[in-house]
N, C-alpha and C. Protein backbone atom coordinates (compact mmCIF):
# COMPACT_ATOMS: atom_id res chain seq x y z
N MET A 1 0.90 -0.85 -0.46
CA MET A 1 -0.44 0.10 -0.29
C MET A 1 0.91 1.65 -0.28
N SER A 2 0.13 2.00 -0.52
CA SER A 2 0.86 4.11 -0.21
C SER A 2 1.14 4.62 0.85
N ARG A 3 1.91 4.89 1.28
CA ARG A 3 2.25 5.82 2.43
C ARG A 3 1.65 6.86 2.66
N ALA A 4 0.56 7.29 3.83
CA ALA A 4 0.12 8.12 4.14
C ALA A 4 0.01 8.40 5.02
N THR A 5 -0.38 9.71 5.67
CA THR A 5 -0.46 10.28 6.76
C THR A 5 -1.76 11.01 6.92
N ASP A 6 -2.03 12.08 8.39
CA ASP A 6 -3.12 11.73 8.81
C ASP A 6 -4.71 12.44 7.27
N THR A 7 -3.84 12.74 7.13
CA THR A 7 -4.54 13.71 5.83
C THR A 7 -4.62 13.79 4.59
N LEU A 8 -3.54 12.80 3.60
CA LEU A 8 -2.80 12.49 2.34
C LEU A 8 -2.47 11.06 2.38
N ARG A 9 -2.44 10.92 1.55
CA ARG A 9 -1.41 9.08 0.85
C ARG A 9 -1.00 9.63 -0.28
N ILE A 10 0.33 8.85 -0.07
CA ILE A 10 1.21 9.14 -1.33
C ILE A 10 0.40 7.40 -2.09
N VAL A 11 0.93 8.33 -3.71
CA VAL A 11 1.64 6.77 -4.09
C VAL A 11 2.49 7.34 -5.40
N GLU A 12 3.35 6.62 -5.48
CA GLU A 12 4.53 6.71 -6.06
C GLU A 12 5.07 5.06 -7.05
N TYR A 13 5.32 5.39 -8.17
CA TYR A 13 5.48 4.60 -9.13
C TYR A 13 6.93 4.94 -10.24
N TRP A 14 7.01 3.68 -10.85
CA TRP A 14 7.94 4.14 -11.73
C TRP A 14 6.53 3.77 -12.67
N THR A 15 7.17 4.28 -14.04
CA THR A 15 6.57 3.56 -15.36
C THR A 15 7.61 3.68 -16.52
N ASP A 16 7.06 3.01 -17.96
CA ASP A 16 8.56 2.46 -18.81
C ASP A 16 9.17 3.30 -19.32
N ARG A 17 8.71 4.34 -19.00
CA ARG A 17 9.70 5.13 -20.08
C ARG A 17 10.81 6.30 -18.38
N ASP A 18 11.12 5.25 -18.14
CA ASP A 18 11.60 5.81 -16.72
C ASP A 18 12.10 6.59 -16.04
N ASN A 19 10.15 7.11 -15.37
CA ASN A 19 9.34 8.35 -14.85
C ASN A 19 9.56 7.93 -14.19
N HIS A 20 9.83 8.73 -12.59
CA HIS A 20 9.16 8.56 -11.34
C HIS A 20 8.30 9.88 -10.73
N VAL A 21 6.54 9.00 -10.72
CA VAL A 21 5.80 9.79 -10.10
C VAL A 21 5.67 9.64 -8.96
N ILE A 22 5.57 10.96 -8.42
CA ILE A 22 4.95 10.34 -7.12
C ILE A 22 4.47 11.31 -6.75
N PHE A 23 2.41 11.16 -6.40
CA PHE A 23 1.12 12.60 -6.41
C PHE A 23 0.87 11.47 -4.93
N PRO A 24 0.22 13.23 -4.17
CA PRO A 24 -0.56 12.47 -3.09
C PRO A 24 -2.14 12.73 -3.16
N VAL A 25 -2.76 12.17 -2.21
CA VAL A 25 -4.47 12.42 -3.02
C VAL A 25 -5.45 12.94 -1.31
N ALA A 26 -5.91 13.65 -1.26
CA ALA A 26 -6.32 13.78 0.10
C ALA A 26 -7.50 12.85 0.47
N ARG A 27 -7.06 12.31 1.60
CA ARG A 27 -7.99 10.97 1.52
C ARG A 27 -9.34 11.30 2.14
N SER A 28 -9.79 10.04 2.34
CA SER A 28 -11.24 10.36 2.78
C SER A 28 -11.70 8.91 2.75
N GLU A 29 -12.37 8.26 2.75
CA GLU A 29 -12.85 7.04 2.89
C GLU A 29 -13.36 6.09 0.94
N GLU A 30 -14.08 6.79 0.21
CA GLU A 30 -13.32 6.75 -1.00
C GLU A 30 -12.29 6.59 -1.69
N VAL A 31 -10.49 7.41 -0.90
CA VAL A 31 -9.37 7.07 -1.13
C VAL A 31 -8.95 5.25 -0.49
N ASP A 32 -9.54 5.96 0.81
CA ASP A 32 -8.84 4.96 1.47
C ASP A 32 -8.95 3.51 1.28
N ARG A 33 -10.13 2.87 -0.22
CA ARG A 33 -10.43 2.25 -0.07
C ARG A 33 -10.43 1.58 -2.29
N MET A 34 -9.45 1.94 -1.49
CA MET A 34 -8.81 2.13 -3.14
C MET A 34 -7.66 1.78 -3.06
N THR A 35 -7.65 1.15 -4.74
CA THR A 35 -5.91 0.05 -4.36
C THR A 35 -5.30 1.18 -4.83
N ASP A 36 -3.99 0.93 -4.51
CA ASP A 36 -2.62 2.21 -5.63
C ASP A 36 -3.20 2.30 -7.32
N GLU A 37 -3.70 0.97 -7.70
CA GLU A 37 -3.61 -0.02 -8.90
C GLU A 37 -5.09 1.57 -9.60
N GLN A 38 -5.83 0.76 -8.93
CA GLN A 38 -6.86 2.51 -8.51
C GLN A 38 -7.11 3.53 -8.68
N LEU A 39 -5.47 4.22 -7.87
CA LEU A 39 -5.59 5.85 -7.60
C LEU A 39 -4.97 6.17 -8.82
N ILE A 40 -3.92 4.98 -9.23
CA ILE A 40 -3.31 5.80 -10.32
C ILE A 40 -3.77 5.47 -11.65
N ALA A 41 -4.62 5.19 -11.95
CA ALA A 41 -5.70 5.11 -13.13
C ALA A 41 -6.42 6.47 -13.07
N ALA A 42 -7.10 7.35 -11.65
CA ALA A 42 -7.64 8.10 -11.38
C ALA A 42 -6.89 9.08 -11.18
N TYR A 43 -5.29 9.22 -11.06
CA TYR A 43 -4.70 10.34 -10.69
C TYR A 43 -3.57 10.49 -11.12
N GLY A 44 -2.79 9.64 -11.79
CA GLY A 44 -1.69 9.25 -11.83
C GLY A 44 -1.39 10.02 -13.52
N ASP A 45 -0.66 10.00 -13.98
CA ASP A 45 -0.10 11.26 -15.00
C ASP A 45 -0.33 10.04 -16.57
N PRO A 46 -0.88 10.55 -16.95
CA PRO A 46 -0.70 9.46 -18.12
C PRO A 46 0.07 9.58 -19.53
N GLU A 47 0.98 10.67 -19.25
CA GLU A 47 1.27 11.16 -20.65
C GLU A 47 3.42 10.71 -19.74
N ALA A 48 3.27 10.24 -18.91
CA ALA A 48 4.65 9.90 -17.47
C ALA A 48 4.72 8.83 -18.95
N GLY A 49 3.62 7.84 -18.57
CA GLY A 49 4.28 7.01 -19.64
C GLY A 49 3.19 5.42 -18.87
N ALA A 50 3.06 4.57 -19.02
CA ALA A 50 2.60 2.63 -18.55
C ALA A 50 3.17 2.58 -16.95
N VAL A 51 1.89 2.29 -16.36
CA VAL A 51 2.84 2.07 -14.85
C VAL A 51 3.84 0.45 -14.88
N ALA A 52 4.82 0.99 -15.09
CA ALA A 52 5.91 -0.86 -14.70
C ALA A 52 6.15 -1.22 -13.99
N ARG A 53 6.39 -0.25 -12.36
CA ARG A 53 5.97 -0.61 -11.01
C ARG A 53 5.57 0.03 -10.34
N ILE A 54 4.98 -0.64 -9.62
CA ILE A 54 4.26 0.16 -8.19
C ILE A 54 5.50 0.33 -6.52
N VAL A 55 5.95 1.42 -5.99
CA VAL A 55 6.65 1.28 -5.13
C VAL A 55 5.63 1.19 -4.01
N ARG A 56 6.30 0.09 -3.52
CA ARG A 56 4.84 -0.46 -1.96
C ARG A 56 5.90 0.35 -0.91
């Protein structure tokens, strides 16, 4: 699972283009139920490349 604070969930992953992407998402019940893969699909940067590895 991604890292989390009281107010943010931090998702980190590498793409097939060797881009290192890190982004925060404000925590809520909905966000806390989502997997890292779902968060990346919803909030990640598709222009950075396809997900190659999620940092856990």
